[in-house]
Amino acid sequence: VDSGPYYDDCIRDTCACDSGGDCDCFCTAVAAYAAECRKKEICVTWRSPDIC
């Protein structure tokens, strides 16, 4: 899965975030990429106690 568009969305959304803080918007953007990967049966482990 090409991460380029998701990366660009993540930067834009995180910088422009006005709801719940930067982390909420960051997590939403990364979750969108992970969901697209899941559709292609690719597991992306990105959540941790420190992130989202």
PDB file of N, CA and C in Angstrom:
ATOM      1  N   VAL A   1       0.865  -1.179   0.000  1.00  0.00           N
ATOM      2  CA  VAL A   1       0.000   0.000   0.000  1.00  0.00           C
ATOM      3  C   VAL A   1       0.900   1.227   0.000  1.00  0.00           C
ATOM      4  N   ASP A   2       0.683   2.098  -0.940  1.00  0.00           N
ATOM      5  CA  ASP A   2       1.468   3.328  -1.039  1.00  0.00           C
ATOM      6  C   ASP A   2       1.170   4.222   0.161  1.00  0.00           C
ATOM      7  N   SER A   3       2.183   4.493   0.954  1.00  0.00           N
ATOM      8  CA  SER A   3       1.985   5.301   2.160  1.00  0.00           C
ATOM      9  C   SER A   3       2.005   6.799   1.881  1.00  0.00           C
ATOM     10  N   GLY A   4       2.440   7.201   0.695  1.00  0.00           N
ATOM     11  CA  GLY A   4       2.577   8.621   0.368  1.00  0.00           C
ATOM     12  C   GLY A   4       1.339   9.457   0.633  1.00  0.00           C
ATOM     13  N   PRO A   5       0.199   9.095   0.066  1.00  0.00           N
ATOM     14  CA  PRO A   5      -1.006   9.895   0.305  1.00  0.00           C
ATOM     15  C   PRO A   5      -1.419   9.907   1.774  1.00  0.00           C
ATOM     16  N   TYR A   6      -1.233   8.789   2.449  1.00  0.00           N
ATOM     17  CA  TYR A   6      -1.593   8.717   3.866  1.00  0.00           C
ATOM     18  C   TYR A   6      -0.642   9.565   4.709  1.00  0.00           C
ATOM     19  N   TYR A   7       0.623   9.564   4.342  1.00  0.00           N
ATOM     20  CA  TYR A   7       1.609  10.399   5.039  1.00  0.00           C
ATOM     21  C   TYR A   7       1.242  11.871   4.891  1.00  0.00           C
ATOM     22  N   ASP A   8       0.947  12.278   3.669  1.00  0.00           N
ATOM     23  CA  ASP A   8       0.559  13.674   3.422  1.00  0.00           C
ATOM     24  C   ASP A   8      -0.693  14.045   4.214  1.00  0.00           C
ATOM     25  N   ASP A   9      -1.686  13.156   4.226  1.00  0.00           N
ATOM     26  CA  ASP A   9      -2.911  13.400   4.999  1.00  0.00           C
ATOM     27  C   ASP A   9      -2.601  13.501   6.488  1.00  0.00           C
ATOM     28  N   CYS A  10      -1.718  12.644   6.962  1.00  0.00           N
ATOM     29  CA  CYS A  10      -1.355  12.637   8.376  1.00  0.00           C
ATOM     30  C   CYS A  10      -0.719  13.964   8.776  1.00  0.00           C
ATOM     31  N   ILE A  11       0.221  14.439   7.985  1.00  0.00           N
ATOM     32  CA  ILE A  11       0.873  15.723   8.278  1.00  0.00           C
ATOM     33  C   ILE A  11      -0.160  16.840   8.275  1.00  0.00           C
ATOM     34  N   ARG A  12      -0.962  16.900   7.244  1.00  0.00           N
ATOM     35  CA  ARG A  12      -1.964  17.966   7.136  1.00  0.00           C
ATOM     36  C   ARG A  12      -2.966  17.904   8.286  1.00  0.00           C
ATOM     37  N   ASP A  13      -3.509  16.716   8.539  1.00  0.00           N
ATOM     38  CA  ASP A  13      -4.531  16.574   9.573  1.00  0.00           C
ATOM     39  C   ASP A  13      -3.979  16.843  10.968  1.00  0.00           C
ATOM     40  N   THR A  14      -2.772  16.374  11.239  1.00  0.00           N
ATOM     41  CA  THR A  14      -2.180  16.583  12.559  1.00  0.00           C
ATOM     42  C   THR A  14      -1.887  18.057  12.790  1.00  0.00           C
ATOM     43  N   CYS A  15      -1.365  18.728  11.784  1.00  0.00           N
ATOM     44  CA  CYS A  15      -1.044  20.155  11.926  1.00  0.00           C
ATOM     45  C   CYS A  15      -2.299  21.016  12.024  1.00  0.00           C
ATOM     46  N   ALA A  16      -3.361  20.610  11.382  1.00  0.00           N
ATOM     47  CA  ALA A  16      -4.594  21.410  11.360  1.00  0.00           C
ATOM     48  C   ALA A  16      -5.607  20.947  12.407  1.00  0.00           C
ATOM     49  N   CYS A  17      -5.208  20.019  13.252  1.00  0.00           N
ATOM     50  CA  CYS A  17      -6.138  19.411  14.206  1.00  0.00           C
ATOM     51  C   CYS A  17      -6.692  20.441  15.186  1.00  0.00           C
ATOM     52  N   ASP A  18      -8.010  20.438  15.321  1.00  0.00           N
ATOM     53  CA  ASP A  18      -8.639  21.333  16.288  1.00  0.00           C
ATOM     54  C   ASP A  18      -9.618  20.592  17.198  1.00  0.00           C
ATOM     55  N   SER A  19      -9.524  19.271  17.213  1.00  0.00           N
ATOM     56  CA  SER A  19     -10.431  18.505  18.082  1.00  0.00           C
ATOM     57  C   SER A  19      -9.651  17.437  18.836  1.00  0.00           C
ATOM     58  N   GLY A  20      -9.605  17.555  20.147  1.00  0.00           N
ATOM     59  CA  GLY A  20      -8.987  16.517  20.959  1.00  0.00           C
ATOM     60  C   GLY A  20      -7.473  16.512  20.976  1.00  0.00           C
ATOM     61  N   GLY A  21      -6.848  17.465  20.360  1.00  0.00           N
ATOM     62  CA  GLY A  21      -5.394  17.508  20.353  1.00  0.00           C
ATOM     63  C   GLY A  21      -4.789  16.813  19.157  1.00  0.00           C
ATOM     64  N   ASP A  22      -3.516  17.078  18.939  1.00  0.00           N
ATOM     65  CA  ASP A  22      -2.805  16.526  17.787  1.00  0.00           C
ATOM     66  C   ASP A  22      -2.828  15.005  17.757  1.00  0.00           C
ATOM     67  N   CYS A  23      -2.733  14.376  18.912  1.00  0.00           N
ATOM     68  CA  CYS A  23      -2.660  12.914  18.942  1.00  0.00           C
ATOM     69  C   CYS A  23      -3.921  12.266  18.391  1.00  0.00           C
ATOM     70  N   ASP A  24      -5.082  12.838  18.672  1.00  0.00           N
ATOM     71  CA  ASP A  24      -6.321  12.257  18.148  1.00  0.00           C
ATOM     72  C   ASP A  24      -6.329  12.265  16.627  1.00  0.00           C
ATOM     73  N   CYS A  25      -5.937  13.360  16.043  1.00  0.00           N
ATOM     74  CA  CYS A  25      -5.924  13.456  14.577  1.00  0.00           C
ATOM     75  C   CYS A  25      -4.829  12.579  13.984  1.00  0.00           C
ATOM     76  N   PHE A  26      -3.689  12.513  14.643  1.00  0.00           N
ATOM     77  CA  PHE A  26      -2.604  11.643  14.200  1.00  0.00           C
ATOM     78  C   PHE A  26      -3.071  10.191  14.193  1.00  0.00           C
ATOM     79  N   CYS A  27      -3.702   9.766  15.281  1.00  0.00           N
ATOM     80  CA  CYS A  27      -4.149   8.376  15.395  1.00  0.00           C
ATOM     81  C   CYS A  27      -5.199   8.037  14.343  1.00  0.00           C
ATOM     82  N   THR A  28      -6.074   8.970  14.053  1.00  0.00           N
ATOM     83  CA  THR A  28      -7.098   8.754  13.028  1.00  0.00           C
ATOM     84  C   THR A  28      -6.450   8.559  11.664  1.00  0.00           C
ATOM     85  N   ALA A  29      -5.444   9.369  11.361  1.00  0.00           N
ATOM     86  CA  ALA A  29      -4.761   9.268  10.070  1.00  0.00           C
ATOM     87  C   ALA A  29      -4.011   7.943   9.946  1.00  0.00           C
ATOM     88  N   VAL A  30      -3.315   7.547  10.983  1.00  0.00           N
ATOM     89  CA  VAL A  30      -2.571   6.285  10.938  1.00  0.00           C
ATOM     90  C   VAL A  30      -3.532   5.097  10.878  1.00  0.00           C
ATOM     91  N   ALA A  31      -4.648   5.196  11.579  1.00  0.00           N
ATOM     92  CA  ALA A  31      -5.648   4.124  11.545  1.00  0.00           C
ATOM     93  C   ALA A  31      -6.209   3.939  10.137  1.00  0.00           C
ATOM     94  N   ALA A  32      -6.352   5.023   9.391  1.00  0.00           N
ATOM     95  CA  ALA A  32      -6.849   4.927   8.013  1.00  0.00           C
ATOM     96  C   ALA A  32      -5.870   4.136   7.146  1.00  0.00           C
ATOM     97  N   TYR A  33      -4.583   4.386   7.322  1.00  0.00           N
ATOM     98  CA  TYR A  33      -3.567   3.642   6.568  1.00  0.00           C
ATOM     99  C   TYR A  33      -3.582   2.163   6.972  1.00  0.00           C
ATOM    100  N   ALA A  34      -3.653   1.895   8.259  1.00  0.00           N
ATOM    101  CA  ALA A  34      -3.677   0.513   8.739  1.00  0.00           C
ATOM    102  C   ALA A  34      -4.910  -0.224   8.218  1.00  0.00           C
ATOM    103  N   ALA A  35      -6.042   0.463   8.140  1.00  0.00           N
ATOM    104  CA  ALA A  35      -7.272  -0.154   7.621  1.00  0.00           C
ATOM    105  C   ALA A  35      -7.117  -0.530   6.151  1.00  0.00           C
ATOM    106  N   GLU A  36      -6.485   0.336   5.386  1.00  0.00           N
ATOM    107  CA  GLU A  36      -6.259   0.033   3.967  1.00  0.00           C
ATOM    108  C   GLU A  36      -5.314  -1.162   3.826  1.00  0.00           C
ATOM    109  N   CYS A  37      -4.310  -1.222   4.674  1.00  0.00           N
ATOM    110  CA  CYS A  37      -3.395  -2.364   4.659  1.00  0.00           C
ATOM    111  C   CYS A  37      -4.134  -3.655   5.001  1.00  0.00           C
ATOM    112  N   ARG A  38      -5.020  -3.601   5.995  1.00  0.00           N
ATOM    113  CA  ARG A  38      -5.793  -4.788   6.376  1.00  0.00           C
ATOM    114  C   ARG A  38      -6.621  -5.314   5.218  1.00  0.00           C
ATOM    115  N   LYS A  39      -7.144  -4.404   4.394  1.00  0.00           N
ATOM    116  CA  LYS A  39      -7.925  -4.832   3.227  1.00  0.00           C
ATOM    117  C   LYS A  39      -7.086  -5.689   2.292  1.00  0.00           C
ATOM    118  N   LYS A  40      -5.777  -5.460   2.309  1.00  0.00           N
ATOM    119  CA  LYS A  40      -4.868  -6.210   1.446  1.00  0.00           C
ATOM    120  C   LYS A  40      -4.147  -7.313   2.234  1.00  0.00           C
ATOM    121  N   GLU A  41      -4.707  -7.628   3.406  1.00  0.00           N
ATOM    122  CA  GLU A  41      -4.185  -8.674   4.281  1.00  0.00           C
ATOM    123  C   GLU A  41      -2.754  -8.415   4.733  1.00  0.00           C
ATOM    124  N   ILE A  42      -2.454  -7.147   4.989  1.00  0.00           N
ATOM    125  CA  ILE A  42      -1.157  -6.737   5.519  1.00  0.00           C
ATOM    126  C   ILE A  42      -1.403  -6.209   6.930  1.00  0.00           C
ATOM    127  N   CYS A  43      -0.714  -6.795   7.890  1.00  0.00           N
ATOM    128  CA  CYS A  43      -0.887  -6.378   9.280  1.00  0.00           C
ATOM    129  C   CYS A  43       0.150  -5.314   9.625  1.00  0.00           C
ATOM    130  N   VAL A  44      -0.323  -4.158  10.050  1.00  0.00           N
ATOM    131  CA  VAL A  44       0.558  -3.078  10.478  1.00  0.00           C
ATOM    132  C   VAL A  44       0.361  -2.907  11.982  1.00  0.00           C
ATOM    133  N   THR A  45       1.397  -3.206  12.740  1.00  0.00           N
ATOM    134  CA  THR A  45       1.342  -3.046  14.187  1.00  0.00           C
ATOM    135  C   THR A  45       1.852  -1.654  14.521  1.00  0.00           C
ATOM    136  N   TRP A  46       0.946  -0.792  14.931  1.00  0.00           N
ATOM    137  CA  TRP A  46       1.355   0.592  15.169  1.00  0.00           C
ATOM    138  C   TRP A  46       0.888   1.130  16.508  1.00  0.00           C
ATOM    139  N   ARG A  47      -0.094   0.513  17.115  1.00  0.00           N
ATOM    140  CA  ARG A  47      -0.550   0.990  18.431  1.00  0.00           C
ATOM    141  C   ARG A  47       0.388   0.464  19.518  1.00  0.00           C
ATOM    142  N   SER A  48       0.608   1.302  20.516  1.00  0.00           N
ATOM    143  CA  SER A  48       1.416   0.917  21.665  1.00  0.00           C
ATOM    144  C   SER A  48       0.898   1.682  22.875  1.00  0.00           C
ATOM    145  N   PRO A  49       1.383   1.364  24.066  1.00  0.00           N
ATOM    146  CA  PRO A  49       0.941   2.132  25.238  1.00  0.00           C
ATOM    147  C   PRO A  49       1.254   3.626  25.121  1.00  0.00           C
ATOM    148  N   ASP A  50       2.259   3.965  24.329  1.00  0.00           N
ATOM    149  CA  ASP A  50       2.655   5.367  24.176  1.00  0.00           C
ATOM    150  C   ASP A  50       2.021   6.060  22.978  1.00  0.00           C
ATOM    151  N   ILE A  51       1.541   5.284  22.015  1.00  0.00           N
ATOM    152  CA  ILE A  51       0.978   5.865  20.790  1.00  0.00           C
ATOM    153  C   ILE A  51      -0.443   5.343  20.597  1.00  0.00           C
ATOM    154  N   CYS A  52      -1.390   6.242  20.627  1.00  0.00           N
ATOM    155  CA  CYS A  52      -2.800   5.967  20.361  1.00  0.00           C
ATOM    156  C   CYS A  52      -3.358   4.900  21.280  1.00  0.00           C
TER     157      CYS A  52
END
